[in-house]
């Protein structure tokens, strides 16, 4: 079965940089840690834990100055329709769900 690609209009949502949300952070391996580009809990990035204070400061300064270049959400990746990255289960039109025991 061959499907045609849809041409989608660009959405003008507010960027995560303009309206950052508090992310649900996961446990990291021992050699990594979170750093935040805004406040104490917004715009998280993962950096190496063994960096010196000067290296961490320099890295975070650079990342802060280029934070609009980072795609914080799937919808912010330019040129990629989120539908391509969304899991779908394709079923026949006449399919009826059933519970299997």
N, C-alpha and C. Protein backbone atom coordinates (compact mmCIF):
# COMPACT_ATOMS: atom_id res chain seq x y z
N UNK A 1 0.85 -1.17 0.00
CA UNK A 1 0.00 0.00 0.00
C UNK A 1 0.90 1.23 0.00
N UNK A 2 0.62 2.12 -0.91
CA UNK A 2 1.43 3.33 -1.03
C UNK A 2 0.58 4.52 -0.63
N UNK A 3 1.10 5.33 0.27
CA UNK A 3 0.38 6.52 0.71
C UNK A 3 1.13 7.76 0.28
N UNK A 4 0.39 8.76 -0.07
CA UNK A 4 0.98 10.03 -0.45
C UNK A 4 1.29 10.84 0.80
N UNK A 5 2.37 11.60 0.76
CA UNK A 5 2.71 12.48 1.86
C UNK A 5 1.83 13.71 1.84
N UNK A 6 1.43 14.14 3.02
CA UNK A 6 0.61 15.33 3.13
C UNK A 6 1.51 16.56 3.23
N UNK A 7 1.06 17.64 2.65
CA UNK A 7 1.76 18.91 2.82
C UNK A 7 1.09 19.62 3.98
N UNK A 8 1.86 19.91 5.01
CA UNK A 8 1.30 20.50 6.22
C UNK A 8 1.72 21.95 6.34
N UNK A 9 0.84 22.73 6.90
CA UNK A 9 1.13 24.13 7.17
C UNK A 9 2.01 24.23 8.42
N UNK A 10 2.85 25.21 8.46
CA UNK A 10 3.68 25.44 9.64
C UNK A 10 2.81 25.98 10.77
N UNK A 11 3.02 25.46 11.95
CA UNK A 11 2.30 25.95 13.13
C UNK A 11 3.14 27.01 13.81
N UNK A 12 2.50 28.00 14.35
CA UNK A 12 3.25 29.05 15.05
C UNK A 12 3.00 28.94 16.56
N UNK A 13 3.47 27.85 17.14
CA UNK A 13 3.38 27.67 18.58
C UNK A 13 4.44 28.52 19.25
N UNK A 14 4.23 28.80 20.53
CA UNK A 14 5.26 29.50 21.28
C UNK A 14 6.42 28.54 21.52
N UNK A 15 7.60 29.04 21.41
CA UNK A 15 8.81 28.25 21.60
C UNK A 15 8.97 27.88 23.07
N UNK A 16 9.63 26.76 23.32
CA UNK A 16 9.93 26.36 24.70
C UNK A 16 10.86 27.36 25.38
N UNK A 17 11.61 28.10 24.58
CA UNK A 17 12.49 29.12 25.16
C UNK A 17 11.64 30.28 25.67
N UNK A 18 10.56 30.64 24.94
CA UNK A 18 9.69 31.72 25.37
C UNK A 18 8.82 31.32 26.56
N UNK A 19 8.34 30.09 26.54
CA UNK A 19 7.50 29.57 27.62
C UNK A 19 8.04 28.22 28.08
N UNK A 20 9.15 28.22 28.82
CA UNK A 20 9.74 26.94 29.23
C UNK A 20 8.85 26.21 30.23
N UNK A 21 8.80 24.91 30.10
CA UNK A 21 8.04 24.10 31.05
C UNK A 21 9.03 23.33 31.93
N UNK A 22 8.54 22.89 33.07
CA UNK A 22 9.39 22.10 33.96
C UNK A 22 9.41 20.68 33.43
N UNK A 23 10.59 20.19 33.10
CA UNK A 23 10.72 18.86 32.50
C UNK A 23 10.76 17.79 33.58
N UNK A 24 10.28 16.60 33.21
CA UNK A 24 10.39 15.45 34.11
C UNK A 24 11.77 14.84 33.88
N UNK A 25 12.63 14.96 34.86
CA UNK A 25 14.01 14.53 34.71
C UNK A 25 14.17 13.08 35.15
N UNK A 26 14.98 12.36 34.41
CA UNK A 26 15.24 10.95 34.71
C UNK A 26 16.61 10.82 35.36
N UNK A 27 16.81 9.70 36.03
CA UNK A 27 18.10 9.45 36.65
C UNK A 27 19.16 9.27 35.56
N UNK A 28 20.30 9.88 35.77
CA UNK A 28 21.39 9.83 34.78
C UNK A 28 22.50 8.90 35.25
N UNK A 29 23.31 8.42 34.31
CA UNK A 29 24.49 7.64 34.71
C UNK A 29 25.39 8.51 35.60
N UNK A 30 26.24 7.90 36.41
CA UNK A 30 27.04 8.66 37.38
C UNK A 30 27.99 9.69 36.78
N UNK A 31 28.35 9.57 35.52
CA UNK A 31 29.30 10.52 34.92
C UNK A 31 28.62 11.73 34.28
N UNK A 32 27.28 11.80 34.35
CA UNK A 32 26.53 12.91 33.76
C UNK A 32 25.71 13.63 34.81
N UNK A 33 25.35 14.89 34.51
CA UNK A 33 24.48 15.65 35.40
C UNK A 33 23.67 16.65 34.59
N UNK A 34 22.60 17.14 35.21
CA UNK A 34 21.77 18.15 34.57
C UNK A 34 22.31 19.53 34.89
N UNK A 35 22.20 20.42 33.92
CA UNK A 35 22.43 21.85 34.12
C UNK A 35 21.21 22.54 33.51
N UNK A 36 20.87 23.70 34.01
CA UNK A 36 19.67 24.39 33.53
C UNK A 36 20.05 25.73 32.93
N UNK A 37 19.48 26.00 31.77
CA UNK A 37 19.80 27.25 31.08
C UNK A 37 18.92 28.40 31.53
N UNK A 38 17.88 28.07 32.29
CA UNK A 38 16.99 29.12 32.80
C UNK A 38 16.49 28.71 34.17
N UNK A 39 16.75 29.53 35.16
CA UNK A 39 16.29 29.23 36.52
C UNK A 39 16.93 27.97 37.07
N UNK A 40 16.24 27.37 38.05
CA UNK A 40 16.75 26.15 38.68
C UNK A 40 16.11 24.89 38.14
N UNK A 41 15.14 25.04 37.22
CA UNK A 41 14.43 23.84 36.76
C UNK A 41 13.89 23.95 35.34
N UNK A 42 14.38 24.91 34.56
CA UNK A 42 13.87 25.09 33.20
C UNK A 42 14.99 25.00 32.17
N UNK A 43 14.66 24.47 31.00
CA UNK A 43 15.59 24.27 29.89
C UNK A 43 16.80 23.42 30.33
N UNK A 44 16.54 22.15 30.68
CA UNK A 44 17.63 21.28 31.12
C UNK A 44 18.52 20.81 29.98
N UNK A 45 19.79 20.70 30.25
CA UNK A 45 20.76 20.08 29.34
C UNK A 45 21.57 19.09 30.17
N UNK A 46 22.13 18.11 29.50
CA UNK A 46 22.94 17.10 30.18
C UNK A 46 24.41 17.37 29.86
N UNK A 47 25.21 17.47 30.91
CA UNK A 47 26.64 17.75 30.73
C UNK A 47 27.46 16.72 31.51
N UNK A 48 28.75 16.66 31.21
CA UNK A 48 29.66 15.75 31.92
C UNK A 48 29.87 16.26 33.34
N UNK A 49 29.86 15.34 34.29
CA UNK A 49 30.00 15.71 35.69
C UNK A 49 31.44 16.09 36.05
N UNK A 50 32.42 15.57 35.31
CA UNK A 50 33.82 15.80 35.68
C UNK A 50 34.42 17.08 35.10
N UNK A 51 33.60 17.97 34.55
CA UNK A 51 34.11 19.25 34.06
C UNK A 51 34.49 20.14 35.24
N UNK A 52 35.50 20.97 35.04
CA UNK A 52 35.87 21.93 36.09
C UNK A 52 34.79 23.02 36.16
N UNK A 53 34.82 23.79 37.23
CA UNK A 53 33.85 24.89 37.39
C UNK A 53 33.95 25.86 36.21
N UNK A 54 35.18 26.17 35.79
CA UNK A 54 35.38 27.09 34.67
C UNK A 54 34.80 26.51 33.37
N UNK A 55 35.03 25.21 33.15
CA UNK A 55 34.51 24.56 31.94
C UNK A 55 32.99 24.52 31.95
N UNK A 56 32.39 24.21 33.10
CA UNK A 56 30.92 24.19 33.20
C UNK A 56 30.35 25.58 32.93
N UNK A 57 30.97 26.59 33.54
CA UNK A 57 30.50 27.96 33.35
C UNK A 57 30.59 28.37 31.88
N UNK A 58 31.72 28.07 31.24
CA UNK A 58 31.90 28.41 29.83
C UNK A 58 30.89 27.68 28.95
N UNK A 59 30.70 26.38 29.20
CA UNK A 59 29.76 25.58 28.42
C UNK A 59 28.33 26.10 28.56
N UNK A 60 27.91 26.36 29.79
CA UNK A 60 26.54 26.84 30.02
C UNK A 60 26.35 28.22 29.42
N UNK A 61 27.37 29.07 29.47
CA UNK A 61 27.28 30.40 28.85
C UNK A 61 27.07 30.28 27.34
N UNK A 62 27.83 29.40 26.70
CA UNK A 62 27.67 29.18 25.25
C UNK A 62 26.29 28.62 24.94
N UNK A 63 25.86 27.62 25.71
CA UNK A 63 24.54 27.02 25.46
C UNK A 63 23.42 28.04 25.66
N UNK A 64 23.54 28.89 26.69
CA UNK A 64 22.53 29.93 26.92
C UNK A 64 22.46 30.90 25.75
N UNK A 65 23.61 31.24 25.18
CA UNK A 65 23.62 32.20 24.07
C UNK A 65 23.06 31.59 22.78
N UNK A 66 22.99 30.27 22.71
CA UNK A 66 22.47 29.59 21.52
C UNK A 66 21.26 28.71 21.83
N UNK A 67 20.53 29.01 22.90
CA UNK A 67 19.44 28.12 23.32
C UNK A 67 18.30 28.05 22.30
N UNK A 68 18.16 29.01 21.42
CA UNK A 68 17.11 28.94 20.39
C UNK A 68 17.47 27.93 19.30
N UNK A 69 18.73 27.53 19.23
CA UNK A 69 19.15 26.54 18.23
C UNK A 69 18.84 25.11 18.68
N UNK A 70 18.52 24.94 19.96
CA UNK A 70 18.24 23.61 20.51
C UNK A 70 16.75 23.33 20.37
N UNK A 71 16.41 22.16 19.83
CA UNK A 71 15.00 21.75 19.74
C UNK A 71 14.62 21.12 21.07
N UNK A 72 13.80 21.82 21.85
CA UNK A 72 13.41 21.34 23.17
C UNK A 72 12.23 20.38 23.11
N UNK A 73 11.44 20.50 22.05
CA UNK A 73 10.27 19.63 21.86
C UNK A 73 10.31 19.11 20.43
N UNK A 74 9.65 18.00 20.19
CA UNK A 74 9.59 17.41 18.85
C UNK A 74 9.02 18.41 17.85
N UNK A 75 8.03 19.18 18.27
CA UNK A 75 7.39 20.13 17.36
C UNK A 75 8.31 21.29 16.96
N UNK A 76 9.41 21.47 17.67
CA UNK A 76 10.34 22.56 17.35
C UNK A 76 11.43 22.16 16.36
N UNK A 77 11.45 20.91 15.95
CA UNK A 77 12.44 20.49 14.97
C UNK A 77 11.94 20.92 13.60
N UNK A 78 12.62 21.89 13.01
CA UNK A 78 12.17 22.45 11.74
C UNK A 78 12.33 21.44 10.62
N UNK A 79 11.32 21.37 9.75
CA UNK A 79 11.38 20.52 8.59
C UNK A 79 10.94 19.08 8.82
N UNK A 80 10.62 18.73 10.06
CA UNK A 80 10.15 17.37 10.34
C UNK A 80 8.74 17.45 10.89
N UNK A 81 7.82 16.83 10.18
CA UNK A 81 6.43 16.79 10.62
C UNK A 81 6.34 15.83 11.81
N UNK A 82 5.78 16.26 12.95
CA UNK A 82 5.66 15.38 14.11
C UNK A 82 4.90 14.09 13.82
N UNK A 83 4.07 14.07 12.78
CA UNK A 83 3.36 12.84 12.43
C UNK A 83 4.33 11.73 12.04
N UNK A 84 5.49 12.07 11.50
CA UNK A 84 6.47 11.05 11.12
C UNK A 84 7.12 10.40 12.34
N UNK A 85 7.09 11.09 13.47
CA UNK A 85 7.74 10.59 14.68
C UNK A 85 6.74 10.07 15.71
N UNK A 86 5.48 9.98 15.34
CA UNK A 86 4.44 9.54 16.25
C UNK A 86 4.09 8.09 15.95
N UNK A 87 4.05 7.28 17.00
CA UNK A 87 3.73 5.86 16.83
C UNK A 87 2.25 5.69 16.51
N UNK A 88 1.96 4.93 15.48
CA UNK A 88 0.57 4.63 15.11
C UNK A 88 0.45 3.14 14.86
N UNK A 89 -0.69 2.60 15.22
CA UNK A 89 -0.97 1.21 14.90
C UNK A 89 -1.95 1.23 13.73
N UNK A 90 -1.49 0.73 12.60
CA UNK A 90 -2.33 0.73 11.41
C UNK A 90 -3.18 -0.53 11.41
N UNK A 91 -4.49 -0.35 11.28
CA UNK A 91 -5.42 -1.48 11.27
C UNK A 91 -6.32 -1.37 10.06
N UNK A 92 -6.90 -2.47 9.71
CA UNK A 92 -7.87 -2.49 8.62
C UNK A 92 -9.11 -1.70 9.03
N UNK A 93 -9.83 -1.18 8.04
CA UNK A 93 -11.03 -0.38 8.31
C UNK A 93 -12.09 -1.15 9.10
N UNK A 94 -12.26 -2.44 8.79
CA UNK A 94 -13.32 -3.21 9.43
C UNK A 94 -12.84 -3.98 10.67
N UNK A 95 -11.73 -3.58 11.24
CA UNK A 95 -11.17 -4.27 12.40
C UNK A 95 -12.01 -4.01 13.63
N UNK A 96 -12.27 -5.07 14.41
CA UNK A 96 -12.98 -4.94 15.68
C UNK A 96 -12.03 -5.39 16.79
N UNK A 97 -11.80 -4.54 17.79
CA UNK A 97 -10.88 -4.92 18.86
C UNK A 97 -11.40 -6.12 19.65
N UNK A 98 -10.49 -6.96 20.11
CA UNK A 98 -10.86 -8.12 20.91
C UNK A 98 -9.82 -8.31 22.01
N UNK A 99 -10.27 -8.80 23.15
CA UNK A 99 -9.39 -9.09 24.26
C UNK A 99 -8.90 -10.52 24.11
N UNK A 100 -7.59 -10.70 24.18
CA UNK A 100 -7.04 -12.06 24.07
C UNK A 100 -6.69 -12.55 25.46
N UNK A 101 -7.04 -13.80 25.75
CA UNK A 101 -6.77 -14.38 27.07
C UNK A 101 -5.69 -15.41 26.97
